[in-house]
Amino acid sequence: MDNIRSGILPGIETQAELDELEKTILQKVGQQYAEVRKLTRDVDGEFRVSRRRALILIYAHLIRLPIKSTKQRQILLQTPLLLLNALNVSAARNWLTPTLGIMRLNSYLAQALPPHAPPRVRLTQLPGVSKADIDSFAPRPREMAEVLSTLEEKGDGRACTVRKAMSKWGRVEIVDAAFKVIGERVVTPSSIIFLVVKLRLTPPGSNTERKDVSVDEAKRIVQYNDKKDEEFLLPKQEAEDLPKGRSTGWAHAPRWPSNRKPTWWLVLGDEKQNRVVVPPIRISYIPYADTESDRDYRTYKIQFQGPPSTGVFTWKLFVVRDTFVAEEASKDLTLSIEHPPAADQEPSEDEISEPDEDSLAGQMAAKRGGAVKKCKDESDEESGTDDDESSNDDSSSDSDSD
């Protein structure tokens, strides 16, 4: 016990060292650990040695006990795959709450924080900042920007490191989320629907206010983005192409035993029924807010078949991050399923011209199974021209003979 109190922790190789570590965990978290310990027993009531060791080492990581154990590193590096398997089971059964809980557990493990940590403890994700530091600040900070401000006022050398970490932190922002059907203004029963989501990252405390632009410039930006949105619906890819030179960097996770790239999950859920509406997708690389860019976000889409009957469906979009605790966003969405427009409200076939095959409208019509106008080959056009000329010559000859 003296070793643990002094901060010089053993390698946790023997049973006695494991028992000593478990006593320390119980002293720090008490009943919470005891409840989890009960849940990890086998169905026969037995508590396997390997399972007990894994639980103790994982919990020591979550409450940041600085032990030196190669076994702990091996166990932690296996948790992402284990959580992914659990996520597949939960999502396949459309369980919303367990699905979100499994996703969030990834970030607690990455940042070495106990689940349901209070807000002030979450601030210790910043480099070099401990819970004791947060408690000592007056007034007590509630946001990361307040932590940085306090460190700068004190002339604390950690301010530079914290500022650098915050500049690449980035809270996810849902710029827009909407349901779309290619080439249709209304969503009809059983139609193929796209949930189109636009996301960007905003570093804590940053100013994202955009400069004023002229009316013409605003129209140009809207038209540009509308065109990009239409083009994005046609291919099967779930995310817009990355600009050249852009790549995903490593996440700030100093207590994780290896480098880790940040990812997010997009989940469409029905909170009233506590179910997942469509299978979640995992995404990477969300751009940072850029007030100088016309399109400082990235667009993603989830394709699914709509409900078979008409009605109004109120769902919720969750964007869950796997590397930072409590850094997620959500948005309430409403999907209206309507009957197809009445025949007398639709233009007749004679009034509708088929779009060209190589046009954007033609590609969209083809994707819906509609008719498109075939493009003529140049040879056909030349042949037609020659035939017309020949016909004209014959007409001239007939006139001369008369």
Protein backbone atom coordinates (compact mmCIF):
# COMPACT_ATOMS: atom_id res chain seq x y z
CA MET A 1 0.00 0.00 0.00
CA ASP A 2 2.89 2.36 0.74
CA ASN A 3 4.11 1.98 -2.85
CA ILE A 4 0.76 3.05 -4.26
CA ARG A 5 0.46 6.02 -1.93
CA SER A 6 3.93 7.22 -2.86
CA GLY A 7 3.11 7.01 -6.56
CA ILE A 8 5.64 4.22 -7.21
CA LEU A 9 3.28 1.49 -8.32
CA PRO A 10 4.35 -2.11 -8.90
CA GLY A 11 4.11 -3.93 -12.18
CA ILE A 12 1.04 -5.85 -10.94
CA GLU A 13 2.44 -9.25 -11.71
CA THR A 14 1.62 -11.17 -8.54
CA GLN A 15 -1.69 -11.94 -6.85
CA ALA A 16 -0.69 -9.88 -3.81
CA GLU A 17 0.00 -6.81 -5.99
CA LEU A 18 -3.34 -7.26 -7.72
CA ASP A 19 -5.14 -7.44 -4.36
CA GLU A 20 -3.38 -4.30 -3.17
CA LEU A 21 -4.38 -2.43 -6.34
CA GLU A 22 -8.01 -3.50 -5.97
CA LYS A 23 -8.09 -2.18 -2.38
CA THR A 24 -6.85 1.19 -3.64
CA ILE A 25 -9.58 1.29 -6.31
CA LEU A 26 -12.23 0.51 -3.69
CA GLN A 27 -10.94 3.34 -1.51
CA LYS A 28 -11.17 5.79 -4.40
CA VAL A 29 -14.51 4.87 -6.01
CA GLY A 30 -16.15 2.63 -3.43
CA GLN A 31 -19.60 1.26 -4.23
CA GLN A 32 -19.41 2.04 -7.94
CA TYR A 33 -16.58 -0.43 -8.44
CA ALA A 34 -18.29 -3.00 -6.22
CA GLU A 35 -21.41 -2.89 -8.42
CA VAL A 36 -19.40 -3.36 -11.61
CA ARG A 37 -17.51 -6.21 -9.99
CA LYS A 38 -20.80 -8.06 -9.40
CA LEU A 39 -21.78 -7.72 -13.06
CA THR A 40 -18.53 -9.29 -14.29
CA ARG A 41 -19.17 -12.67 -12.68
CA ASP A 42 -19.96 -15.63 -14.92
CA VAL A 43 -23.48 -17.02 -15.14
CA ASP A 44 -22.46 -19.72 -12.67
CA GLY A 45 -21.48 -17.05 -10.15
CA GLU A 46 -17.76 -17.66 -10.49
CA PHE A 47 -15.31 -14.77 -10.82
CA ARG A 48 -12.55 -15.96 -13.13
CA VAL A 49 -9.00 -14.88 -12.33
CA SER A 50 -8.36 -13.53 -15.85
CA ARG A 51 -11.62 -11.55 -15.80
CA ARG A 52 -10.85 -10.09 -12.37
CA ARG A 53 -7.37 -9.05 -13.49
CA ALA A 54 -8.76 -7.35 -16.60
CA LEU A 55 -11.39 -5.48 -14.59
CA ILE A 56 -8.89 -4.21 -12.04
CA LEU A 57 -6.40 -3.07 -14.67
CA ILE A 58 -9.07 -1.31 -16.75
CA TYR A 59 -10.52 0.44 -13.71
CA ALA A 60 -7.04 1.52 -12.62
CA HIS A 61 -6.66 3.13 -16.04
CA LEU A 62 -10.04 4.90 -15.78
CA ILE A 63 -9.19 6.51 -12.42
CA ARG A 64 -5.63 7.25 -13.57
CA LEU A 65 -3.61 5.15 -11.16
CA PRO A 66 -0.09 5.25 -12.65
CA ILE A 67 0.79 1.56 -12.71
CA LYS A 68 3.44 0.01 -14.92
CA SER A 69 1.98 -3.12 -16.46
CA THR A 70 2.48 -4.53 -19.94
CA LYS A 71 -0.63 -6.61 -19.31
CA GLN A 72 -2.69 -3.46 -18.83
CA ARG A 73 -1.47 -2.07 -22.17
CA GLN A 74 -2.40 -5.31 -23.95
CA ILE A 75 -5.88 -5.33 -22.42
CA LEU A 76 -6.56 -1.67 -23.25
CA LEU A 77 -5.53 -2.14 -26.88
CA GLN A 78 -8.06 -4.97 -27.19
CA THR A 79 -10.99 -2.90 -25.91
CA PRO A 80 -11.81 -1.08 -29.22
CA LEU A 81 -12.39 -4.41 -30.98
CA LEU A 82 -14.41 -5.80 -28.06
CA LEU A 83 -16.56 -2.66 -27.99
CA LEU A 84 -17.05 -2.82 -31.76
CA ASN A 85 -18.35 -6.38 -31.45
CA ALA A 86 -20.70 -5.32 -28.65
CA LEU A 87 -21.83 -2.38 -30.80
CA ASN A 88 -22.63 -4.68 -33.71
CA VAL A 89 -24.83 -6.82 -31.46
CA SER A 90 -26.64 -3.81 -29.99
CA ALA A 91 -27.17 -2.03 -33.31
CA ALA A 92 -28.40 -5.23 -34.98
CA ARG A 93 -31.17 -5.36 -32.37
CA ASN A 94 -31.90 -1.64 -32.81
CA TRP A 95 -31.21 -0.85 -29.13
CA LEU A 96 -30.62 2.91 -28.90
CA THR A 97 -29.45 3.45 -25.30
CA PRO A 98 -26.96 0.54 -25.24
CA THR A 99 -25.66 1.56 -28.68
CA LEU A 100 -24.93 5.12 -27.56
CA GLY A 101 -23.45 3.88 -24.28
CA ILE A 102 -20.99 1.56 -26.04
CA MET A 103 -19.92 4.36 -28.39
CA ARG A 104 -19.33 6.76 -25.49
CA LEU A 105 -17.34 4.21 -23.53
CA ASN A 106 -14.63 4.43 -26.20
CA SER A 107 -13.93 8.06 -25.29
CA TYR A 108 -13.80 7.33 -21.54
CA LEU A 109 -11.17 4.68 -22.18
CA ALA A 110 -9.23 6.94 -24.56
CA GLN A 111 -9.06 9.80 -22.03
CA ALA A 112 -8.79 7.63 -18.88
CA LEU A 113 -11.91 9.00 -17.22
CA PRO A 114 -14.59 7.08 -15.31
CA PRO A 115 -18.01 6.89 -17.00
CA HIS A 116 -20.41 9.64 -15.92
CA ALA A 117 -17.52 11.79 -14.70
CA PRO A 118 -18.73 15.21 -13.45
CA PRO A 119 -18.12 18.24 -15.70
CA ARG A 120 -15.12 19.54 -13.75
CA VAL A 121 -13.39 16.15 -14.07
CA ARG A 122 -13.91 16.22 -17.84
CA LEU A 123 -11.75 19.36 -17.94
CA THR A 124 -8.77 17.18 -16.96
CA GLN A 125 -8.68 15.97 -20.56
CA LEU A 126 -6.55 19.08 -21.12
CA PRO A 127 -2.79 18.36 -20.91
CA GLY A 128 -1.19 18.85 -17.52
CA VAL A 129 -4.44 19.79 -15.76
CA SER A 130 -5.59 17.73 -12.77
CA LYS A 131 -8.77 17.68 -10.72
CA ALA A 132 -6.88 19.37 -7.89
CA ASP A 133 -5.98 22.20 -10.28
CA ILE A 134 -9.61 22.66 -11.31
CA ASP A 135 -10.75 22.73 -7.67
CA SER A 136 -8.10 25.30 -6.78
CA PHE A 137 -9.05 27.79 -9.50
CA ALA A 138 -11.25 30.69 -8.42
CA PRO A 139 -13.78 31.07 -9.82
CA ARG A 140 -14.01 27.38 -10.65
CA PRO A 141 -13.96 26.96 -14.45
CA ARG A 142 -16.81 25.21 -16.25
CA GLU A 143 -15.44 25.35 -19.81
CA MET A 144 -12.05 24.70 -21.38
CA ALA A 145 -11.76 28.32 -22.46
CA GLU A 146 -12.09 29.36 -18.79
CA VAL A 147 -9.28 26.99 -17.82
CA LEU A 148 -7.01 28.56 -20.42
CA SER A 149 -7.96 32.08 -19.33
CA THR A 150 -7.16 31.26 -15.69
CA LEU A 151 -3.77 29.77 -16.58
CA GLU A 152 -2.88 32.82 -18.69
CA GLU A 153 -3.86 35.21 -15.90
CA LYS A 154 -1.62 33.31 -13.49
CA GLY A 155 1.26 33.30 -15.97
CA ASP A 156 1.26 29.50 -15.76
CA GLY A 157 3.62 27.81 -18.23
CA ARG A 158 0.99 25.18 -19.01
CA ALA A 159 -1.12 27.79 -20.82
CA CYS A 160 0.87 27.38 -24.05
CA THR A 161 0.38 23.59 -24.10
CA VAL A 162 -3.32 23.90 -23.26
CA ARG A 163 -3.83 26.52 -25.98
CA LYS A 164 -2.17 24.27 -28.56
CA ALA A 165 -4.33 21.29 -27.56
CA MET A 166 -7.52 23.36 -27.69
CA SER A 167 -6.72 24.66 -31.18
CA LYS A 168 -6.97 21.08 -32.49
CA TRP A 169 -9.70 19.91 -30.14
CA GLY A 170 -12.79 20.88 -32.03
CA ARG A 171 -16.35 20.45 -30.87
CA VAL A 172 -18.51 18.95 -33.58
CA GLU A 173 -21.19 21.24 -34.98
CA ILE A 174 -24.17 20.10 -37.05
CA VAL A 175 -24.32 22.74 -39.78
CA ASP A 176 -27.38 21.15 -41.36
CA ALA A 177 -29.23 17.84 -41.45
CA ALA A 178 -32.15 17.03 -43.74
CA PHE A 179 -33.92 14.17 -45.48
CA LYS A 180 -33.75 14.16 -49.29
CA VAL A 181 -35.09 12.03 -52.14
CA ILE A 182 -33.39 12.39 -55.51
CA GLY A 183 -35.51 14.41 -57.93
CA GLU A 184 -38.55 14.60 -55.64
CA ARG A 185 -40.01 17.44 -53.61
CA VAL A 186 -41.99 15.17 -51.26
CA VAL A 187 -41.06 11.92 -49.56
CA THR A 188 -43.46 9.14 -50.52
CA PRO A 189 -43.97 5.72 -48.83
CA SER A 190 -41.12 3.20 -49.25
CA SER A 191 -38.98 5.66 -51.22
CA ILE A 192 -35.18 5.60 -51.03
CA ILE A 193 -34.25 8.39 -48.61
CA PHE A 194 -30.94 10.08 -47.90
CA LEU A 195 -30.20 11.68 -44.56
CA VAL A 196 -27.72 14.38 -45.56
CA VAL A 197 -25.59 15.72 -42.70
CA LYS A 198 -23.13 18.63 -42.81
CA LEU A 199 -20.52 18.78 -40.05
CA ARG A 200 -17.58 20.92 -38.98
CA LEU A 201 -15.38 21.28 -35.90
CA THR A 202 -15.18 24.43 -33.80
CA PRO A 203 -12.28 24.75 -31.31
CA PRO A 204 -13.40 25.85 -27.80
CA GLY A 205 -13.40 29.62 -27.41
CA SER A 206 -12.81 30.32 -31.12
CA ASN A 207 -14.66 33.03 -33.05
CA THR A 208 -16.57 31.60 -36.02
CA GLU A 209 -18.54 34.71 -36.93
CA ARG A 210 -18.51 35.18 -40.68
CA LYS A 211 -17.79 38.43 -42.43
CA ASP A 212 -20.61 40.24 -44.22
CA VAL A 213 -20.90 39.59 -47.95
CA SER A 214 -22.90 41.26 -50.70
CA VAL A 215 -26.24 39.91 -51.87
CA ASP A 216 -24.73 38.71 -55.15
CA GLU A 217 -21.90 36.95 -53.32
CA ALA A 218 -24.36 35.28 -50.95
CA LYS A 219 -26.40 34.02 -53.93
CA ARG A 220 -23.26 32.68 -55.58
CA ILE A 221 -22.28 30.77 -52.43
CA VAL A 222 -25.78 29.29 -52.10
CA GLN A 223 -25.85 28.19 -55.74
CA TYR A 224 -22.37 26.70 -55.45
CA ASN A 225 -23.28 24.69 -52.35
CA ASP A 226 -26.63 23.56 -53.80
CA LYS A 227 -24.84 22.22 -56.88
CA LYS A 228 -22.28 20.39 -54.74
CA ASP A 229 -25.10 18.87 -52.66
CA GLU A 230 -26.91 17.56 -55.75
CA GLU A 231 -23.73 16.04 -57.16
CA PHE A 232 -22.99 14.33 -53.84
CA LEU A 233 -26.28 12.42 -53.85
CA LEU A 234 -25.49 10.51 -57.06
CA PRO A 235 -22.44 8.37 -56.11
CA LYS A 236 -22.63 5.62 -53.50
CA GLN A 237 -19.93 7.04 -51.22
CA GLU A 238 -21.02 8.02 -47.70
CA ALA A 239 -18.76 11.08 -47.39
CA GLU A 240 -17.66 13.92 -49.61
CA ASP A 241 -14.18 13.63 -51.08
CA LEU A 242 -11.46 15.27 -49.01
CA PRO A 243 -9.71 18.33 -50.45
CA LYS A 244 -6.21 17.57 -51.67
CA GLY A 245 -3.60 17.73 -48.94
CA ARG A 246 -6.09 17.19 -46.11
CA SER A 247 -5.65 14.22 -43.80
CA THR A 248 -6.75 13.11 -40.36
CA GLY A 249 -4.23 13.78 -37.59
CA TRP A 250 -3.80 12.00 -34.27
CA ALA A 251 -6.18 12.69 -31.41
CA HIS A 252 -4.98 14.20 -28.13
CA ALA A 253 -5.06 11.10 -25.92
CA PRO A 254 -1.84 11.08 -23.84
CA ARG A 255 -3.04 8.31 -21.50
CA TRP A 256 -3.97 5.92 -24.31
CA PRO A 257 -1.15 3.39 -24.90
CA SER A 258 -0.82 4.11 -28.66
CA ASN A 259 -1.57 6.72 -31.32
CA ARG A 260 -5.26 7.06 -32.03
CA LYS A 261 -7.14 8.73 -34.88
CA PRO A 262 -10.43 10.45 -34.03
CA THR A 263 -13.65 9.09 -35.48
CA TRP A 264 -17.34 9.77 -35.00
CA TRP A 265 -20.57 7.81 -35.32
CA LEU A 266 -23.73 9.08 -36.97
CA VAL A 267 -26.79 7.55 -35.30
CA LEU A 268 -30.41 8.15 -36.26
CA GLY A 269 -32.59 7.15 -33.33
CA ASP A 270 -36.17 7.17 -32.10
CA GLU A 271 -35.99 8.20 -28.43
CA LYS A 272 -39.68 7.50 -27.81
CA GLN A 273 -39.27 3.83 -28.75
CA ASN A 274 -35.61 3.69 -27.66
CA ARG A 275 -34.52 2.17 -30.95
CA VAL A 276 -32.01 2.79 -33.71
CA VAL A 277 -33.82 3.70 -36.94
CA VAL A 278 -31.05 2.81 -39.42
CA PRO A 279 -27.65 1.18 -38.86
CA PRO A 280 -25.06 3.75 -37.64
CA ILE A 281 -22.13 4.73 -39.82
CA ARG A 282 -18.62 5.62 -38.69
CA ILE A 283 -16.92 8.65 -40.19
CA SER A 284 -13.53 10.32 -40.01
CA TYR A 285 -12.02 13.72 -40.76
CA ILE A 286 -14.38 16.60 -40.10
CA PRO A 287 -12.90 19.96 -41.20
CA TYR A 288 -12.40 22.87 -38.86
CA ALA A 289 -14.51 26.00 -39.17
CA ASP A 290 -12.99 28.49 -41.62
CA THR A 291 -14.64 31.89 -41.95
CA GLU A 292 -12.82 32.50 -45.24
CA SER A 293 -14.16 29.37 -46.96
CA ASP A 294 -17.41 29.08 -48.93
CA ARG A 295 -17.79 25.49 -47.75
CA ASP A 296 -16.06 24.92 -44.42
CA TYR A 297 -17.90 21.69 -43.65
CA ARG A 298 -18.02 18.15 -44.95
CA THR A 299 -21.18 16.38 -46.07
CA TYR A 300 -22.12 12.81 -45.18
CA LYS A 301 -25.15 10.73 -46.04
CA ILE A 302 -27.05 7.71 -44.76
CA GLN A 303 -29.23 5.88 -47.28
CA PHE A 304 -32.28 3.91 -46.17
CA GLN A 305 -35.75 2.89 -47.33
CA GLY A 306 -38.53 5.02 -45.90
CA PRO A 307 -41.54 3.77 -43.93
CA PRO A 308 -44.22 2.01 -46.02
CA SER A 309 -47.04 4.25 -44.80
CA THR A 310 -47.69 7.97 -44.61
CA GLY A 311 -47.21 9.90 -41.39
CA VAL A 312 -44.91 12.21 -39.46
CA PHE A 313 -41.89 10.65 -37.76
CA THR A 314 -39.90 12.55 -35.11
CA TRP A 315 -36.38 11.18 -34.78
CA LYS A 316 -33.05 12.43 -33.47
CA LEU A 317 -29.60 12.54 -35.01
CA PHE A 318 -26.65 11.84 -32.70
CA VAL A 319 -23.03 12.59 -33.59
CA VAL A 320 -20.88 10.70 -31.07
CA ARG A 321 -17.11 11.04 -30.82
CA ASP A 322 -14.89 8.13 -29.77
CA THR A 323 -11.89 10.07 -28.45
CA PHE A 324 -13.07 13.01 -26.29
CA VAL A 325 -15.60 12.76 -23.47
CA ALA A 326 -18.86 14.72 -23.82
CA GLU A 327 -17.83 16.12 -27.22
CA GLU A 328 -20.93 15.22 -29.21
CA ALA A 329 -23.92 16.91 -30.82
CA SER A 330 -27.55 16.05 -31.53
CA LYS A 331 -30.43 17.46 -33.56
CA ASP A 332 -34.16 16.74 -33.63
CA LEU A 333 -35.43 15.81 -37.10
CA THR A 334 -38.90 15.39 -38.55
CA LEU A 335 -39.63 13.16 -41.55
CA SER A 336 -43.00 13.63 -43.29
CA ILE A 337 -44.15 10.77 -45.51
CA GLU A 338 -46.85 11.92 -47.96
CA HIS A 339 -48.95 10.38 -50.71
CA PRO A 340 -47.66 10.92 -54.26
CA PRO A 341 -49.05 14.09 -55.89
CA ALA A 342 -52.45 13.61 -57.56
CA ALA A 343 -52.39 12.83 -61.28
CA ASP A 344 -54.21 16.03 -62.21
CA GLN A 345 -51.56 18.04 -60.37
CA GLU A 346 -48.75 16.46 -62.33
CA PRO A 347 -47.82 17.65 -65.82
CA SER A 348 -48.79 15.28 -68.63
CA GLU A 349 -46.21 13.15 -70.36
CA ASP A 350 -46.52 15.30 -73.48
CA GLU A 351 -45.45 18.31 -71.42
CA ILE A 352 -42.43 16.57 -69.97
CA SER A 353 -39.30 16.39 -72.06
CA GLU A 354 -36.87 13.60 -71.28
CA PRO A 355 -33.52 14.92 -69.98
CA ASP A 356 -30.34 14.21 -71.89
CA GLU A 357 -28.46 11.10 -70.80
CA ASP A 358 -25.20 12.98 -70.06
CA SER A 359 -26.81 15.82 -68.08
CA LEU A 360 -27.07 15.99 -64.26
CA ALA A 361 -30.87 15.76 -64.52
CA GLY A 362 -30.49 12.71 -66.75
CA GLN A 363 -28.23 10.96 -64.26
CA MET A 364 -30.69 11.65 -61.47
CA ALA A 365 -33.61 10.40 -63.59
CA ALA A 366 -31.70 7.23 -64.48
CA LYS A 367 -30.97 6.60 -60.78
CA ARG A 368 -34.73 6.78 -60.13
CA GLY A 369 -35.46 4.44 -63.04
CA GLY A 370 -36.94 7.18 -65.25
CA ALA A 371 -36.58 7.71 -68.99
CA VAL A 372 -33.67 9.66 -70.43
CA LYS A 373 -32.88 10.87 -73.93
CA LYS A 374 -30.02 8.93 -75.53
CA CYS A 375 -27.14 11.00 -76.83
CA LYS A 376 -26.58 10.78 -80.59
CA ASP A 377 -23.15 9.74 -81.79
CA GLU A 378 -21.25 12.24 -83.90
CA SER A 379 -21.23 9.72 -86.74
CA ASP A 380 -25.04 9.54 -86.65
CA GLU A 381 -25.28 13.32 -86.71
CA GLU A 382 -22.87 13.53 -89.65
CA SER A 383 -24.76 10.79 -91.47
CA GLY A 384 -28.01 12.64 -90.90
CA THR A 385 -26.44 15.81 -92.26
CA ASP A 386 -25.20 14.02 -95.37
CA ASP A 387 -28.64 12.52 -95.94
CA ASP A 388 -30.22 15.95 -95.65
CA GLU A 389 -27.74 17.40 -98.14
CA SER A 390 -28.34 14.51 -100.55
CA SER A 391 -32.07 15.03 -100.25
CA ASN A 392 -31.66 18.71 -101.01
CA ASP A 393 -29.53 17.94 -104.08
CA ASP A 394 -32.17 15.55 -105.37
CA SER A 395 -34.85 18.16 -104.91
CA SER A 396 -32.76 20.70 -106.82
CA SER A 397 -32.23 18.22 -109.68
CA ASP A 398 -35.93 17.56 -109.95
CA SER A 399 -36.63 21.27 -110.16
CA ASP A 400 -34.05 21.75 -112.89
CA SER A 401 -35.46 18.91 -114.96
CA ASP A 402 -38.89 20.46 -114.77
